[in-house]
Protein backbone atom coordinates (compact mmCIF):
# COMPACT_ATOMS: atom_id res chain seq x y z
CA MET A 1 41.40 -80.13 -81.40
CA ILE A 2 40.03 -79.64 -77.88
CA THR A 3 39.00 -76.08 -77.21
CA PRO A 4 39.67 -74.96 -73.61
CA GLN A 5 36.59 -73.97 -71.61
CA GLN A 6 36.21 -70.30 -70.85
CA PRO A 7 35.69 -69.34 -67.18
CA PRO A 8 32.23 -68.07 -66.31
CA PRO A 9 31.85 -64.32 -66.46
CA GLN A 10 32.48 -62.57 -63.13
CA PRO A 11 30.31 -59.67 -61.96
CA GLU A 12 31.86 -56.28 -61.74
CA ASN A 13 33.77 -55.51 -58.53
CA ALA A 14 33.94 -59.21 -57.78
CA GLY A 15 36.24 -59.91 -54.89
CA ASP A 16 36.31 -56.23 -53.90
CA ASP A 17 34.83 -56.27 -50.39
CA THR A 18 35.57 -52.62 -49.78
CA THR A 19 32.95 -51.40 -52.21
CA THR A 20 30.05 -53.10 -50.36
CA PRO A 21 30.12 -52.14 -46.67
CA LYS A 22 28.41 -54.36 -44.16
CA LYS A 23 24.92 -53.12 -43.55
CA THR A 24 23.65 -53.11 -39.97
CA THR A 25 20.25 -54.72 -39.65
CA TYR A 26 17.64 -54.32 -36.92
CA SER A 27 18.23 -57.88 -35.77
CA ASP A 28 21.80 -57.01 -34.83
CA PRO A 29 21.86 -56.38 -31.04
CA SER A 30 24.58 -53.79 -31.45
CA GLY A 31 22.80 -52.04 -34.29
CA ALA A 32 22.21 -48.34 -34.54
CA ILE A 33 18.49 -48.70 -33.89
CA PHE A 34 19.09 -49.65 -30.25
CA SER A 35 21.61 -46.89 -29.76
CA LEU A 36 19.22 -44.32 -31.19
CA TYR A 37 16.35 -45.68 -29.12
CA ILE A 38 18.22 -45.70 -25.82
CA THR A 39 19.65 -42.21 -26.41
CA ARG A 40 16.26 -40.64 -26.95
CA ALA A 41 14.64 -42.73 -24.22
CA LEU A 42 17.27 -41.73 -21.66
CA LYS A 43 16.79 -38.06 -22.46
CA PHE A 44 13.05 -38.43 -21.95
CA ASP A 45 13.41 -40.52 -18.81
CA ASP A 46 15.99 -38.25 -17.22
CA GLU A 47 13.60 -35.32 -17.41
CA ASN A 48 10.73 -37.32 -15.93
CA VAL A 49 12.82 -38.86 -13.17
CA GLU A 50 14.28 -35.51 -12.16
CA ASN A 51 10.78 -34.05 -11.99
CA TRP A 52 9.63 -36.98 -9.85
CA LYS A 53 12.58 -36.65 -7.51
CA GLY A 54 12.10 -32.90 -7.16
CA GLY A 55 8.40 -33.32 -6.46
CA ALA A 56 9.06 -36.14 -4.00
CA ASP A 57 11.58 -34.01 -2.11
CA SER A 58 9.06 -31.19 -1.76
CA ILE A 59 6.36 -33.60 -0.65
CA LEU A 60 8.62 -35.16 1.99
CA VAL A 61 9.50 -31.76 3.45
CA PHE A 62 5.88 -30.61 3.55
CA THR A 63 4.45 -33.84 4.91
CA GLY A 64 7.12 -33.92 7.62
CA LEU A 65 6.20 -30.46 8.89
CA PHE A 66 2.49 -30.99 8.40
CA SER A 67 2.41 -34.36 10.15
CA SER A 68 4.19 -32.96 13.19
CA THR A 69 1.64 -30.12 13.34
CA VAL A 70 -1.32 -32.48 13.12
CA ALA A 71 0.19 -34.79 15.73
CA THR A 72 0.55 -31.85 18.12
CA PHE A 73 -3.12 -30.96 17.79
CA ILE A 74 -4.11 -34.60 18.23
CA THR A 75 -2.28 -34.76 21.56
CA ILE A 76 -4.41 -31.80 22.66
CA SER A 77 -7.76 -33.09 21.40
CA TYR A 78 -7.41 -36.81 22.11
CA PRO A 79 -7.97 -36.49 25.90
CA ASN A 80 -11.46 -35.14 25.11
CA LEU A 81 -12.43 -38.68 24.12
CA GLN A 82 -11.82 -39.85 27.69
CA GLN A 83 -13.23 -38.74 30.97
CA ASP A 84 -11.10 -36.25 32.85
CA PRO A 85 -9.24 -38.13 35.63
CA ASN A 86 -9.62 -35.11 37.91
CA VAL A 87 -13.39 -35.24 37.54
CA THR A 88 -13.37 -38.95 38.36
CA THR A 89 -11.22 -38.36 41.43
CA GLN A 90 -13.45 -35.56 42.65
CA SER A 91 -16.53 -37.72 42.15
CA LEU A 92 -14.99 -40.58 44.13
CA LEU A 93 -13.93 -38.25 46.94
CA ALA A 94 -17.42 -36.76 47.11
CA GLN A 95 -18.94 -40.24 47.24
CA ILE A 96 -16.58 -41.28 50.05
CA SER A 97 -17.41 -38.11 51.93
CA ARG A 98 -21.14 -38.81 51.68
CA GLN A 99 -20.66 -42.38 52.83
CA LEU A 100 -18.65 -41.27 55.85
CA SER A 101 -21.23 -38.63 56.67
CA ASP A 102 -24.06 -41.17 56.46
CA ALA A 103 -22.07 -43.63 58.56
CA THR A 104 -21.57 -40.98 61.23
CA ASN A 105 -25.23 -39.96 61.31
CA ASN A 106 -26.93 -43.33 60.84
CA GLY A 107 -24.30 -45.75 62.03
CA THR A 108 -24.38 -47.69 58.76
CA ILE A 109 -22.36 -47.40 55.57
CA PRO A 110 -24.61 -47.20 52.48
CA ALA A 111 -23.86 -49.26 49.41
CA ALA A 112 -21.61 -47.62 46.89
CA SER A 113 -23.34 -46.23 43.83
CA PRO A 114 -22.20 -47.33 40.36
CA SER A 115 -19.12 -45.59 39.05
CA THR A 116 -19.81 -42.49 37.03
CA GLN A 117 -16.91 -43.27 34.69
CA ALA A 118 -18.91 -45.94 32.86
CA SER A 119 -21.59 -43.40 31.92
CA PHE A 120 -19.14 -41.01 30.24
CA THR A 121 -19.80 -40.29 26.57
CA PRO A 122 -17.52 -38.02 24.54
CA SER A 123 -19.11 -35.13 22.73
CA ALA A 124 -19.93 -35.37 19.04
CA SER A 125 -17.54 -32.53 18.23
CA ALA A 126 -14.66 -34.29 20.01
CA VAL A 127 -15.31 -37.50 18.08
CA PHE A 128 -15.54 -35.62 14.77
CA VAL A 129 -12.40 -33.56 15.34
CA ASN A 130 -10.28 -36.54 16.33
CA SER A 131 -11.62 -38.59 13.43
CA VAL A 132 -10.74 -36.03 10.76
CA TRP A 133 -7.37 -35.25 12.32
CA PHE A 134 -6.39 -38.90 12.54
CA LEU A 135 -7.47 -39.38 8.93
CA SER A 136 -5.47 -36.30 7.92
CA LEU A 137 -2.40 -37.67 9.68
CA VAL A 138 -2.77 -41.07 8.01
CA LEU A 139 -3.07 -39.50 4.55
CA SER A 140 -0.05 -37.30 5.17
CA LEU A 141 2.11 -40.21 6.28
CA THR A 142 0.87 -42.28 3.33
CA CYS A 143 1.96 -39.54 0.93
CA ALA A 144 5.37 -39.45 2.58
CA LEU A 145 5.70 -43.22 2.22
CA ILE A 146 4.71 -43.16 -1.46
CA ALA A 147 7.13 -40.30 -2.15
CA THR A 148 9.95 -42.25 -0.50
CA LEU A 149 9.19 -45.34 -2.59
CA LEU A 150 9.12 -43.25 -5.76
CA GLN A 151 12.53 -41.82 -4.93
CA GLN A 152 13.97 -45.29 -4.42
CA TRP A 153 12.40 -46.54 -7.64
CA ALA A 154 13.77 -43.58 -9.63
CA ARG A 155 17.24 -43.98 -8.14
CA ARG A 156 17.26 -47.70 -8.91
CA TYR A 157 16.08 -47.08 -12.46
CA LEU A 158 18.83 -44.57 -13.18
CA GLN A 159 21.47 -46.86 -11.73
CA MET A 160 20.38 -49.78 -13.90
CA ILE A 161 19.81 -47.88 -17.13
CA GLN A 162 23.05 -45.85 -16.98
CA ARG A 163 25.36 -48.82 -16.53
CA ASN A 164 27.78 -49.60 -19.34
CA HIS A 165 25.72 -52.35 -20.94
CA ALA A 166 25.25 -53.05 -24.61
CA PRO A 167 22.54 -50.91 -26.21
CA HIS A 168 20.12 -53.81 -26.61
CA VAL A 169 20.56 -54.77 -22.92
CA ARG A 170 19.83 -51.22 -21.80
CA ALA A 171 16.79 -51.17 -24.04
CA HIS A 172 15.48 -54.36 -22.42
CA ILE A 173 16.12 -52.93 -18.94
CA ARG A 174 14.17 -49.80 -19.79
CA GLU A 175 11.29 -51.84 -21.15
CA TYR A 176 11.31 -53.96 -17.98
CA PHE A 177 11.07 -50.90 -15.74
CA SER A 178 8.48 -49.28 -17.99
CA ARG A 179 6.24 -52.33 -17.75
CA GLY A 180 6.64 -52.32 -13.98
CA ALA A 181 5.74 -48.64 -13.85
CA ARG A 182 2.60 -49.23 -15.90
CA ARG A 183 1.67 -52.30 -13.89
CA PHE A 184 1.89 -50.54 -10.53
CA ARG A 185 0.52 -47.26 -11.93
CA ILE A 186 3.56 -45.21 -10.98
CA PHE A 187 2.48 -42.31 -13.16
CA GLY A 188 -0.94 -42.25 -11.53
CA LEU A 189 0.61 -42.24 -8.06
CA VAL A 190 2.82 -39.29 -8.95
CA GLU A 191 -0.19 -37.30 -10.11
CA ALA A 192 -2.33 -38.37 -7.13
CA LEU A 193 0.11 -37.26 -4.41
CA PRO A 194 -0.74 -33.52 -4.54
CA PHE A 195 -4.44 -34.37 -4.51
CA LEU A 196 -4.05 -36.58 -1.43
CA ILE A 197 -2.08 -33.86 0.34
CA LEU A 198 -4.82 -31.34 -0.47
CA ILE A 199 -7.44 -33.65 1.05
CA SER A 200 -5.28 -34.08 4.15
CA VAL A 201 -4.95 -30.30 4.59
CA LEU A 202 -8.69 -29.76 4.09
CA LEU A 203 -9.47 -32.38 6.73
CA PHE A 204 -7.13 -30.68 9.17
CA PHE A 205 -8.68 -27.25 8.56
CA THR A 206 -12.17 -28.69 8.98
CA GLY A 207 -11.25 -30.22 12.31
CA LEU A 208 -9.55 -26.99 13.37
CA VAL A 209 -12.71 -24.95 12.80
CA VAL A 210 -14.90 -27.47 14.64
CA PHE A 211 -12.36 -27.66 17.47
CA ALA A 212 -12.36 -23.88 17.94
CA PHE A 213 -16.11 -23.38 17.61
CA PRO A 214 -17.23 -24.61 21.09
CA THR A 215 -14.55 -22.51 22.78
CA ASN A 216 -14.91 -19.21 20.93
CA HIS A 217 -17.16 -18.50 17.98
CA THR A 218 -15.11 -15.50 16.87
CA VAL A 219 -11.91 -17.53 16.56
CA ALA A 220 -13.79 -20.23 14.68
CA PHE A 221 -15.30 -17.79 12.17
CA ILE A 222 -11.98 -16.03 11.61
CA THR A 223 -10.30 -19.39 10.99
CA LEU A 224 -13.06 -20.41 8.60
CA ALA A 225 -12.76 -17.13 6.68
CA ILE A 226 -8.99 -17.48 6.31
CA VAL A 227 -9.34 -21.08 5.11
CA ALA A 228 -11.99 -20.05 2.57
CA ILE A 229 -9.80 -17.23 1.25
CA CYS A 230 -6.82 -19.56 0.88
CA LEU A 231 -8.90 -22.10 -1.03
CA ILE A 232 -10.33 -19.49 -3.35
């Protein structure tokens, strides 16, 4: 007699798919690891970006007012680097008067002397004041430019990272921007802006004291004392 073969033993819960839920792995782009990562990263980035934008707004307001002030003083001090046109005119008129007087007395017109304008040399204080004020203006405008670029970068970052992409896509976008920030030293620029503004203000105050000193020593010393108190 032929004995029928017995089927192989089945493991418990065989065929019951409900007892073994599908487990999400890290290689799954839609896995929970990316969602958790992007949630915490966005919270961290939002705080940093808002701080950057707030600081950039303050810097833009200050540099705008400060640059206009420095530019006003430059328009006053810059003519000191050139000879006064009134002095040149008076010198030419005096020379013409002497030539006419000599022509009347001697009957001949003497040769004209070399122009006094070529021998003009600006004072050392005028050169120093204009140098530090121009440097102060350049630093102030540079800070304004950097602050504007940081605002644009932060706005672009938030627009890209907050779009309704899949979690793994948003994670890649954040990593892309983070690498760019490290490459161009964005964090260092943010920290350097207040320092650059401080240097710009110190240069302006230095030029202001030197500018006032030849005119009135009392005004210069009072200005120097106020600047020293503010710095302390």
